[in-house]
Amino acid sequence: MSDLNKVLSQMKTNAKGVRFSDIQKVCKHYFGKPRQGSSSHCIYKTPWIGNPRINIQNNKGKAKPYQVKQVLIAINKLEAYNE
């Protein structure tokens, strides 16, 4: 769990420097197994109505910064949803 906390901290402070493999671990922890993961995209399902997915993309080993921010927003929403 401490590795997950380190990655989350890094995501919050520097969205540009997040490795794709790290964001995959975070998404798998919070959202489960991706429904698609065979291409450069990984798509994770979320439990709320509306836009029920998280889409992350491998960009030369890094995650795209705007997708890192979307994942952080989704994690906050998920934690509020579960309260």
C-alpha atoms as a PDB file:
ATOM      1  CA  MET A   1       0.000   0.000   0.000  1.00  0.00           C
ATOM      2  CA  SER A   2       2.900   2.382   0.617  1.00  0.00           C
ATOM      3  CA  ASP A   3       3.927   2.089  -3.060  1.00  0.00           C
ATOM      4  CA  LEU A   4       0.403   3.063  -4.024  1.00  0.00           C
ATOM      5  CA  ASN A   5       0.559   6.088  -1.728  1.00  0.00           C
ATOM      6  CA  LYS A   6       3.895   7.130  -3.260  1.00  0.00           C
ATOM      7  CA  VAL A   7       2.436   6.942  -6.752  1.00  0.00           C
ATOM      8  CA  LEU A   8      -0.657   8.908  -5.711  1.00  0.00           C
ATOM      9  CA  SER A   9       1.560  11.555  -4.151  1.00  0.00           C
ATOM     10  CA  GLN A  10       3.624  11.756  -7.329  1.00  0.00           C
ATOM     11  CA  MET A  11       0.448  12.006  -9.417  1.00  0.00           C
ATOM     12  CA  LYS A  12      -0.725  14.959  -7.336  1.00  0.00           C
ATOM     13  CA  THR A  13       2.576  16.839  -7.468  1.00  0.00           C
ATOM     14  CA  ASN A  14       3.778  16.085 -11.006  1.00  0.00           C
ATOM     15  CA  ALA A  15       1.208  14.817 -13.491  1.00  0.00           C
ATOM     16  CA  LYS A  16       3.785  14.899 -16.304  1.00  0.00           C
ATOM     17  CA  GLY A  17       6.219  12.443 -14.752  1.00  0.00           C
ATOM     18  CA  VAL A  18       3.902   9.499 -14.026  1.00  0.00           C
ATOM     19  CA  ARG A  19       4.869   6.173 -15.549  1.00  0.00           C
ATOM     20  CA  PHE A  20       2.115   4.328 -17.365  1.00  0.00           C
ATOM     21  CA  SER A  21       2.742   1.153 -15.359  1.00  0.00           C
ATOM     22  CA  ASP A  22       2.278   3.118 -12.110  1.00  0.00           C
ATOM     23  CA  ILE A  23      -1.034   4.636 -13.145  1.00  0.00           C
ATOM     24  CA  GLN A  24      -2.180   1.191 -14.263  1.00  0.00           C
ATOM     25  CA  LYS A  25      -1.524  -0.133 -10.741  1.00  0.00           C
ATOM     26  CA  VAL A  26      -3.488   2.735  -9.207  1.00  0.00           C
ATOM     27  CA  CYS A  27      -6.419   2.242 -11.581  1.00  0.00           C
ATOM     28  CA  LYS A  28      -6.452  -1.510 -11.020  1.00  0.00           C
ATOM     29  CA  HIS A  29      -6.531  -0.953  -7.245  1.00  0.00           C
ATOM     30  CA  TYR A  30      -9.422   1.516  -7.356  1.00  0.00           C
ATOM     31  CA  PHE A  31     -11.407   0.390 -10.409  1.00  0.00           C
ATOM     32  CA  GLY A  32     -10.527  -3.278 -10.905  1.00  0.00           C
ATOM     33  CA  LYS A  33      -9.403  -5.045 -14.018  1.00  0.00           C
ATOM     34  CA  PRO A  34      -9.558  -3.048 -17.269  1.00  0.00           C
ATOM     35  CA  ARG A  35     -12.252  -4.054 -19.733  1.00  0.00           C
ATOM     36  CA  GLN A  36      -9.829  -3.274 -22.528  1.00  0.00           C
ATOM     37  CA  GLY A  37      -6.100  -3.452 -22.174  1.00  0.00           C
ATOM     38  CA  SER A  38      -4.734  -5.036 -25.312  1.00  0.00           C
ATOM     39  CA  SER A  39      -3.834  -1.826 -27.118  1.00  0.00           C
ATOM     40  CA  SER A  40      -2.126   1.351 -25.970  1.00  0.00           C
ATOM     41  CA  HIS A  41      -5.343   2.246 -24.101  1.00  0.00           C
ATOM     42  CA  CYS A  42      -6.671   0.768 -20.860  1.00  0.00           C
ATOM     43  CA  ILE A  43     -10.313   1.388 -20.043  1.00  0.00           C
ATOM     44  CA  TYR A  44     -11.608   0.973 -16.498  1.00  0.00           C
ATOM     45  CA  LYS A  45     -15.264   0.965 -15.461  1.00  0.00           C
ATOM     46  CA  THR A  46     -16.524   3.221 -12.666  1.00  0.00           C
ATOM     47  CA  PRO A  47     -19.659   2.628 -10.571  1.00  0.00           C
ATOM     48  CA  TRP A  48     -21.453   5.919 -11.185  1.00  0.00           C
ATOM     49  CA  ILE A  49     -23.876   6.969 -13.902  1.00  0.00           C
ATOM     50  CA  GLY A  50     -22.798   9.414 -16.570  1.00  0.00           C
ATOM     51  CA  ASN A  51     -19.413   8.801 -18.121  1.00  0.00           C
ATOM     52  CA  PRO A  52     -18.686   5.461 -16.456  1.00  0.00           C
ATOM     53  CA  ARG A  53     -15.110   4.901 -17.556  1.00  0.00           C
ATOM     54  CA  ILE A  54     -11.525   5.874 -17.034  1.00  0.00           C
ATOM     55  CA  ASN A  55      -9.383   5.800 -20.148  1.00  0.00           C
ATOM     56  CA  ILE A  56      -5.606   5.900 -19.839  1.00  0.00           C
ATOM     57  CA  GLN A  57      -3.133   5.788 -22.681  1.00  0.00           C
ATOM     58  CA  ASN A  58       0.482   4.701 -22.902  1.00  0.00           C
ATOM     59  CA  ASN A  59       2.546   7.521 -24.366  1.00  0.00           C
ATOM     60  CA  LYS A  60       6.100   6.185 -24.699  1.00  0.00           C
ATOM     61  CA  GLY A  61       6.022   4.682 -21.208  1.00  0.00           C
ATOM     62  CA  LYS A  62       4.396   7.691 -19.560  1.00  0.00           C
ATOM     63  CA  ALA A  63       0.788   8.534 -18.793  1.00  0.00           C
ATOM     64  CA  LYS A  64      -0.700  11.611 -20.411  1.00  0.00           C
ATOM     65  CA  PRO A  65      -0.934  14.442 -17.840  1.00  0.00           C
ATOM     66  CA  TYR A  66      -4.593  15.231 -18.500  1.00  0.00           C
ATOM     67  CA  GLN A  67      -5.449  11.557 -17.966  1.00  0.00           C
ATOM     68  CA  VAL A  68      -3.543  11.543 -14.668  1.00  0.00           C
ATOM     69  CA  LYS A  69      -5.691  14.484 -13.549  1.00  0.00           C
ATOM     70  CA  GLN A  70      -8.846  12.648 -14.680  1.00  0.00           C
ATOM     71  CA  VAL A  71      -7.833   9.598 -12.645  1.00  0.00           C
ATOM     72  CA  LEU A  72      -7.286  11.746  -9.538  1.00  0.00           C
ATOM     73  CA  ILE A  73     -10.723  13.335  -9.977  1.00  0.00           C
ATOM     74  CA  ALA A  74     -12.284   9.891 -10.406  1.00  0.00           C
ATOM     75  CA  ILE A  75     -10.565   8.576  -7.265  1.00  0.00           C
ATOM     76  CA  ASN A  76     -11.908  11.532  -5.251  1.00  0.00           C
ATOM     77  CA  LYS A  77     -15.368  10.955  -6.700  1.00  0.00           C
ATOM     78  CA  LEU A  78     -15.141   7.223  -5.922  1.00  0.00           C
ATOM     79  CA  GLU A  79     -14.136   7.885  -2.310  1.00  0.00           C
ATOM     80  CA  ALA A  80     -17.074  10.301  -1.925  1.00  0.00           C
ATOM     81  CA  TYR A  81     -19.374   7.782  -3.641  1.00  0.00           C
ATOM     82  CA  ASN A  82     -18.377   5.049  -1.166  1.00  0.00           C
ATOM     83  CA  GLU A  83     -18.966   7.193   1.954  1.00  0.00           C
END
